[in-house]
Amino acid sequence: QNRLTIAVGVRYFNRLIEEDNFEQTFSFYSDYGGSLQLTGSVLEEAYNEIFERLTQDIFNASVAKW
């Protein structure tokens, strides 16, 4: 079993309510078989899974106080 992990640093600025500003690291991972190479469709599937989750997490954090 192998794991690809991607982390993204985010700085969120709310110009109207400065208390809502935050700086946070978001990360997520995708596991793939130990006999597979991280290329082609395996890489694309891992990226899609990770980016979908990162996008959701960042969006939720930015609108949590609305």
PDB file of N, CA and C in Angstrom:
ATOM      1  N   GLN A   1       0.845  -1.178   0.000  1.00  0.00           N
ATOM      2  CA  GLN A   1       0.000   0.000   0.000  1.00  0.00           C
ATOM      3  C   GLN A   1       0.889   1.240   0.000  1.00  0.00           C
ATOM      4  N   ASN A   2       0.568   2.179  -0.862  1.00  0.00           N
ATOM      5  CA  ASN A   2       1.265   3.465  -0.912  1.00  0.00           C
ATOM      6  C   ASN A   2       0.266   4.579  -0.655  1.00  0.00           C
ATOM      7  N   ARG A   3       0.792   5.745  -0.288  1.00  0.00           N
ATOM      8  CA  ARG A   3      -0.071   6.890   0.014  1.00  0.00           C
ATOM      9  C   ARG A   3       0.531   8.161  -0.584  1.00  0.00           C
ATOM     10  N   LEU A   4      -0.299   8.895  -1.288  1.00  0.00           N
ATOM     11  CA  LEU A   4       0.059  10.226  -1.776  1.00  0.00           C
ATOM     12  C   LEU A   4      -0.677  11.232  -0.911  1.00  0.00           C
ATOM     13  N   THR A   5       0.061  12.153  -0.298  1.00  0.00           N
ATOM     14  CA  THR A   5      -0.527  13.190   0.539  1.00  0.00           C
ATOM     15  C   THR A   5      -0.179  14.546  -0.049  1.00  0.00           C
ATOM     16  N   ILE A   6      -1.173  15.419  -0.100  1.00  0.00           N
ATOM     17  CA  ILE A   6      -0.972  16.791  -0.568  1.00  0.00           C
ATOM     18  C   ILE A   6      -1.460  17.725   0.527  1.00  0.00           C
ATOM     19  N   ALA A   7      -0.659  18.737   0.824  1.00  0.00           N
ATOM     20  CA  ALA A   7      -1.016  19.746   1.814  1.00  0.00           C
ATOM     21  C   ALA A   7      -1.001  21.119   1.149  1.00  0.00           C
ATOM     22  N   VAL A   8      -1.950  21.965   1.569  1.00  0.00           N
ATOM     23  CA  VAL A   8      -2.084  23.306   1.018  1.00  0.00           C
ATOM     24  C   VAL A   8      -2.188  24.283   2.178  1.00  0.00           C
ATOM     25  N   GLY A   9      -1.373  25.329   2.138  1.00  0.00           N
ATOM     26  CA  GLY A   9      -1.460  26.390   3.137  1.00  0.00           C
ATOM     27  C   GLY A   9      -2.408  27.463   2.636  1.00  0.00           C
ATOM     28  N   VAL A  10      -3.359  27.865   3.497  1.00  0.00           N
ATOM     29  CA  VAL A  10      -4.373  28.849   3.109  1.00  0.00           C
ATOM     30  C   VAL A  10      -4.378  29.992   4.112  1.00  0.00           C
ATOM     31  N   ARG A  11      -4.398  31.198   3.584  1.00  0.00           N
ATOM     32  CA  ARG A  11      -4.624  32.394   4.406  1.00  0.00           C
ATOM     33  C   ARG A  11      -5.933  33.002   3.938  1.00  0.00           C
ATOM     34  N   TYR A  12      -6.884  33.095   4.841  1.00  0.00           N
ATOM     35  CA  TYR A  12      -8.201  33.625   4.514  1.00  0.00           C
ATOM     36  C   TYR A  12      -8.357  34.975   5.208  1.00  0.00           C
ATOM     37  N   PHE A  13      -8.700  35.976   4.423  1.00  0.00           N
ATOM     38  CA  PHE A  13      -8.905  37.320   4.952  1.00  0.00           C
ATOM     39  C   PHE A  13     -10.351  37.734   4.747  1.00  0.00           C
ATOM     40  N   ASN A  14     -11.022  38.098   5.838  1.00  0.00           N
ATOM     41  CA  ASN A  14     -12.364  38.652   5.771  1.00  0.00           C
ATOM     42  C   ASN A  14     -12.231  40.136   6.071  1.00  0.00           C
ATOM     43  N   ARG A  15     -12.365  40.960   5.063  1.00  0.00           N
ATOM     44  CA  ARG A  15     -12.147  42.405   5.204  1.00  0.00           C
ATOM     45  C   ARG A  15     -13.208  43.078   6.076  1.00  0.00           C
ATOM     46  N   LEU A  16     -14.373  42.452   6.213  1.00  0.00           N
ATOM     47  CA  LEU A  16     -15.442  43.048   7.013  1.00  0.00           C
ATOM     48  C   LEU A  16     -15.383  42.621   8.474  1.00  0.00           C
ATOM     49  N   ILE A  17     -15.041  41.369   8.708  1.00  0.00           N
ATOM     50  CA  ILE A  17     -14.971  40.839  10.081  1.00  0.00           C
ATOM     51  C   ILE A  17     -13.599  40.204  10.257  1.00  0.00           C
ATOM     52  N   GLU A  18     -12.653  40.984  10.737  1.00  0.00           N
ATOM     53  CA  GLU A  18     -11.272  40.513  10.817  1.00  0.00           C
ATOM     54  C   GLU A  18     -11.082  39.338  11.770  1.00  0.00           C
ATOM     55  N   GLU A  19     -11.993  39.146  12.730  1.00  0.00           N
ATOM     56  CA  GLU A  19     -11.888  38.013  13.646  1.00  0.00           C
ATOM     57  C   GLU A  19     -12.067  36.683  12.914  1.00  0.00           C
ATOM     58  N   ASP A  20     -12.652  36.730  11.731  1.00  0.00           N
ATOM     59  CA  ASP A  20     -12.863  35.503  10.957  1.00  0.00           C
ATOM     60  C   ASP A  20     -11.655  35.122  10.104  1.00  0.00           C
ATOM     61  N   ASN A  21     -10.615  35.956  10.084  1.00  0.00           N
ATOM     62  CA  ASN A  21      -9.405  35.623   9.326  1.00  0.00           C
ATOM     63  C   ASN A  21      -8.777  34.347   9.898  1.00  0.00           C
ATOM     64  N   PHE A  22      -8.172  33.560   9.033  1.00  0.00           N
ATOM     65  CA  PHE A  22      -7.455  32.391   9.530  1.00  0.00           C
ATOM     66  C   PHE A  22      -6.335  32.021   8.577  1.00  0.00           C
ATOM     67  N   GLU A  23      -5.371  31.333   9.124  1.00  0.00           N
ATOM     68  CA  GLU A  23      -4.276  30.737   8.357  1.00  0.00           C
ATOM     69  C   GLU A  23      -4.200  29.286   8.800  1.00  0.00           C
ATOM     70  N   GLN A  24      -4.326  28.385   7.847  1.00  0.00           N
ATOM     71  CA  GLN A  24      -4.441  26.970   8.190  1.00  0.00           C
ATOM     72  C   GLN A  24      -3.866  26.116   7.073  1.00  0.00           C
ATOM     73  N   THR A  25      -3.341  24.974   7.449  1.00  0.00           N
ATOM     74  CA  THR A  25      -2.875  23.993   6.474  1.00  0.00           C
ATOM     75  C   THR A  25      -3.923  22.895   6.367  1.00  0.00           C
ATOM     76  N   PHE A  26      -4.325  22.618   5.144  1.00  0.00           N
ATOM     77  CA  PHE A  26      -5.269  21.552   4.864  1.00  0.00           C
ATOM     78  C   PHE A  26      -4.513  20.448   4.150  1.00  0.00           C
ATOM     79  N   SER A  27      -4.791  19.212   4.499  1.00  0.00           N
ATOM     80  CA  SER A  27      -4.138  18.108   3.799  1.00  0.00           C
ATOM     81  C   SER A  27      -5.112  16.946   3.666  1.00  0.00           C
ATOM     82  N   PHE A  28      -4.870  16.159   2.656  1.00  0.00           N
ATOM     83  CA  PHE A  28      -5.641  14.937   2.451  1.00  0.00           C
ATOM     84  C   PHE A  28      -4.763  13.972   1.675  1.00  0.00           C
ATOM     85  N   TYR A  29      -5.169  12.732   1.621  1.00  0.00           N
ATOM     86  CA  TYR A  29      -4.346  11.690   1.021  1.00  0.00           C
ATOM     87  C   TYR A  29      -5.190  10.750   0.168  1.00  0.00           C
ATOM     88  N   SER A  30      -4.501   9.997  -0.628  1.00  0.00           N
ATOM     89  CA  SER A  30      -5.123   8.920  -1.406  1.00  0.00           C
ATOM     90  C   SER A  30      -4.197   7.713  -1.354  1.00  0.00           C
ATOM     91  N   ASP A  31      -4.753   6.574  -1.050  1.00  0.00           N
ATOM     92  CA  ASP A  31      -3.988   5.327  -1.005  1.00  0.00           C
ATOM     93  C   ASP A  31      -4.117   4.609  -2.343  1.00  0.00           C
ATOM     94  N   TYR A  32      -3.052   3.963  -2.752  1.00  0.00           N
ATOM     95  CA  TYR A  32      -3.071   3.150  -3.967  1.00  0.00           C
ATOM     96  C   TYR A  32      -2.185   1.925  -3.744  1.00  0.00           C
ATOM     97  N   GLY A  33      -2.416   0.916  -4.532  1.00  0.00           N
ATOM     98  CA  GLY A  33      -1.745  -0.377  -4.347  1.00  0.00           C
ATOM     99  C   GLY A  33      -0.233  -0.301  -4.418  1.00  0.00           C
ATOM    100  N   GLY A  34       0.412  -1.112  -3.628  1.00  0.00           N
ATOM    101  CA  GLY A  34       1.869  -1.147  -3.572  1.00  0.00           C
ATOM    102  C   GLY A  34       2.517  -1.616  -4.868  1.00  0.00           C
ATOM    103  N   SER A  35       1.775  -2.324  -5.684  1.00  0.00           N
ATOM    104  CA  SER A  35       2.340  -2.812  -6.945  1.00  0.00           C
ATOM    105  C   SER A  35       2.103  -1.838  -8.104  1.00  0.00           C
ATOM    106  N   LEU A  36       1.410  -0.721  -7.826  1.00  0.00           N
ATOM    107  CA  LEU A  36       1.086   0.245  -8.869  1.00  0.00           C
ATOM    108  C   LEU A  36       2.092   1.391  -8.899  1.00  0.00           C
ATOM    109  N   GLN A  37       2.272   1.962 -10.077  1.00  0.00           N
ATOM    110  CA  GLN A  37       3.097   3.157 -10.234  1.00  0.00           C
ATOM    111  C   GLN A  37       2.192   4.382 -10.164  1.00  0.00           C
ATOM    112  N   LEU A  38       2.691   5.462  -9.588  1.00  0.00           N
ATOM    113  CA  LEU A  38       1.909   6.695  -9.461  1.00  0.00           C
ATOM    114  C   LEU A  38       2.025   7.487 -10.764  1.00  0.00           C
ATOM    115  N   THR A  39       1.422   6.960 -11.804  1.00  0.00           N
ATOM    116  CA  THR A  39       1.422   7.600 -13.120  1.00  0.00           C
ATOM    117  C   THR A  39       0.066   7.356 -13.766  1.00  0.00           C
ATOM    118  N   GLY A  40      -0.203   8.063 -14.849  1.00  0.00           N
ATOM    119  CA  GLY A  40      -1.404   7.839 -15.644  1.00  0.00           C
ATOM    120  C   GLY A  40      -2.687   7.924 -14.853  1.00  0.00           C
ATOM    121  N   SER A  41      -3.537   6.927 -15.023  1.00  0.00           N
ATOM    122  CA  SER A  41      -4.860   6.945 -14.397  1.00  0.00           C
ATOM    123  C   SER A  41      -4.788   6.836 -12.874  1.00  0.00           C
ATOM    124  N   VAL A  42      -3.766   6.164 -12.348  1.00  0.00           N
ATOM    125  CA  VAL A  42      -3.610   6.060 -10.890  1.00  0.00           C
ATOM    126  C   VAL A  42      -3.358   7.452 -10.305  1.00  0.00           C
ATOM    127  N   LEU A  43      -2.483   8.212 -10.941  1.00  0.00           N
ATOM    128  CA  LEU A  43      -2.180   9.567 -10.490  1.00  0.00           C
ATOM    129  C   LEU A  43      -3.398  10.469 -10.648  1.00  0.00           C
ATOM    130  N   GLU A  44      -4.074  10.378 -11.771  1.00  0.00           N
ATOM    131  CA  GLU A  44      -5.244  11.214 -12.023  1.00  0.00           C
ATOM    132  C   GLU A  44      -6.347  10.939 -11.006  1.00  0.00           C
ATOM    133  N   GLU A  45      -6.580   9.673 -10.709  1.00  0.00           N
ATOM    134  CA  GLU A  45      -7.593   9.306  -9.715  1.00  0.00           C
ATOM    135  C   GLU A  45      -7.216   9.824  -8.328  1.00  0.00           C
ATOM    136  N   ALA A  46      -5.946   9.715  -7.978  1.00  0.00           N
ATOM    137  CA  ALA A  46      -5.483  10.221  -6.680  1.00  0.00           C
ATOM    138  C   ALA A  46      -5.662  11.736  -6.596  1.00  0.00           C
ATOM    139  N   TYR A  47      -5.260  12.445  -7.651  1.00  0.00           N
ATOM    140  CA  TYR A  47      -5.440  13.901  -7.677  1.00  0.00           C
ATOM    141  C   TYR A  47      -6.907  14.278  -7.528  1.00  0.00           C
ATOM    142  N   ASN A  48      -7.766  13.617  -8.274  1.00  0.00           N
ATOM    143  CA  ASN A  48      -9.195  13.943  -8.214  1.00  0.00           C
ATOM    144  C   ASN A  48      -9.754  13.751  -6.811  1.00  0.00           C
ATOM    145  N   GLU A  49      -9.401  12.656  -6.180  1.00  0.00           N
ATOM    146  CA  GLU A  49      -9.875  12.371  -4.825  1.00  0.00           C
ATOM    147  C   GLU A  49      -9.357  13.422  -3.831  1.00  0.00           C
ATOM    148  N   ILE A  50      -8.076  13.723  -3.909  1.00  0.00           N
ATOM    149  CA  ILE A  50      -7.464  14.666  -2.975  1.00  0.00           C
ATOM    150  C   ILE A  50      -7.999  16.075  -3.202  1.00  0.00           C
ATOM    151  N   PHE A  51      -8.025  16.534  -4.450  1.00  0.00           N
ATOM    152  CA  PHE A  51      -8.458  17.907  -4.728  1.00  0.00           C
ATOM    153  C   PHE A  51      -9.923  18.125  -4.390  1.00  0.00           C
ATOM    154  N   GLU A  52     -10.749  17.116  -4.591  1.00  0.00           N
ATOM    155  CA  GLU A  52     -12.166  17.226  -4.230  1.00  0.00           C
ATOM    156  C   GLU A  52     -12.301  17.453  -2.722  1.00  0.00           C
ATOM    157  N   ARG A  53     -11.595  16.667  -1.948  1.00  0.00           N
ATOM    158  CA  ARG A  53     -11.673  16.791  -0.489  1.00  0.00           C
ATOM    159  C   ARG A  53     -11.064  18.098   0.011  1.00  0.00           C
ATOM    160  N   LEU A  54      -9.914  18.490  -0.549  1.00  0.00           N
ATOM    161  CA  LEU A  54      -9.295  19.751  -0.142  1.00  0.00           C
ATOM    162  C   LEU A  54     -10.208  20.929  -0.447  1.00  0.00           C
ATOM    163  N   THR A  55     -10.809  20.918  -1.626  1.00  0.00           N
ATOM    164  CA  THR A  55     -11.718  21.998  -2.016  1.00  0.00           C
ATOM    165  C   THR A  55     -12.888  22.093  -1.042  1.00  0.00           C
ATOM    166  N   GLN A  56     -13.471  20.969  -0.698  1.00  0.00           N
ATOM    167  CA  GLN A  56     -14.591  20.957   0.251  1.00  0.00           C
ATOM    168  C   GLN A  56     -14.170  21.474   1.620  1.00  0.00           C
ATOM    169  N   ASP A  57     -13.026  21.014   2.101  1.00  0.00           N
ATOM    170  CA  ASP A  57     -12.557  21.425   3.429  1.00  0.00           C
ATOM    171  C   ASP A  57     -12.258  22.922   3.485  1.00  0.00           C
ATOM    172  N   ILE A  58     -11.614  23.452   2.453  1.00  0.00           N
ATOM    173  CA  ILE A  58     -11.287  24.879   2.424  1.00  0.00           C
ATOM    174  C   ILE A  58     -12.560  25.709   2.310  1.00  0.00           C
ATOM    175  N   PHE A  59     -13.466  25.302   1.462  1.00  0.00           N
ATOM    176  CA  PHE A  59     -14.740  26.013   1.319  1.00  0.00           C
ATOM    177  C   PHE A  59     -15.492  26.020   2.648  1.00  0.00           C
ATOM    178  N   ASN A  60     -15.600  24.868   3.283  1.00  0.00           N
ATOM    179  CA  ASN A  60     -16.324  24.787   4.562  1.00  0.00           C
ATOM    180  C   ASN A  60     -15.682  25.663   5.629  1.00  0.00           C
ATOM    181  N   ALA A  61     -14.380  25.702   5.684  1.00  0.00           N
ATOM    182  CA  ALA A  61     -13.694  26.538   6.678  1.00  0.00           C
ATOM    183  C   ALA A  61     -13.924  28.022   6.415  1.00  0.00           C
ATOM    184  N   SER A  62     -14.000  28.404   5.151  1.00  0.00           N
ATOM    185  CA  SER A  62     -14.153  29.821   4.820  1.00  0.00           C
ATOM    186  C   SER A  62     -15.582  30.337   5.025  1.00  0.00           C
ATOM    187  N   VAL A  63     -16.579  29.459   4.953  1.00  0.00           N
ATOM    188  CA  VAL A  63     -17.961  29.907   5.110  1.00  0.00           C
ATOM    189  C   VAL A  63     -18.595  29.416   6.411  1.00  0.00           C
ATOM    190  N   ALA A  64     -17.823  28.858   7.295  1.00  0.00           N
ATOM    191  CA  ALA A  64     -18.346  28.247   8.521  1.00  0.00           C
ATOM    192  C   ALA A  64     -19.095  29.250   9.396  1.00  0.00           C
ATOM    193  N   LYS A  65     -18.711  30.507   9.368  1.00  0.00           N
ATOM    194  CA  LYS A  65     -19.331  31.495  10.260  1.00  0.00           C
ATOM    195  C   LYS A  65     -20.397  32.343   9.576  1.00  0.00           C
ATOM    196  N   TRP A  66     -20.760  31.977   8.357  1.00  0.00           N
ATOM    197  CA  TRP A  66     -21.800  32.767   7.683  1.00  0.00           C
ATOM    198  C   TRP A  66     -23.151  32.423   8.185  1.00  0.00           C
TER     199      TRP A  66
END
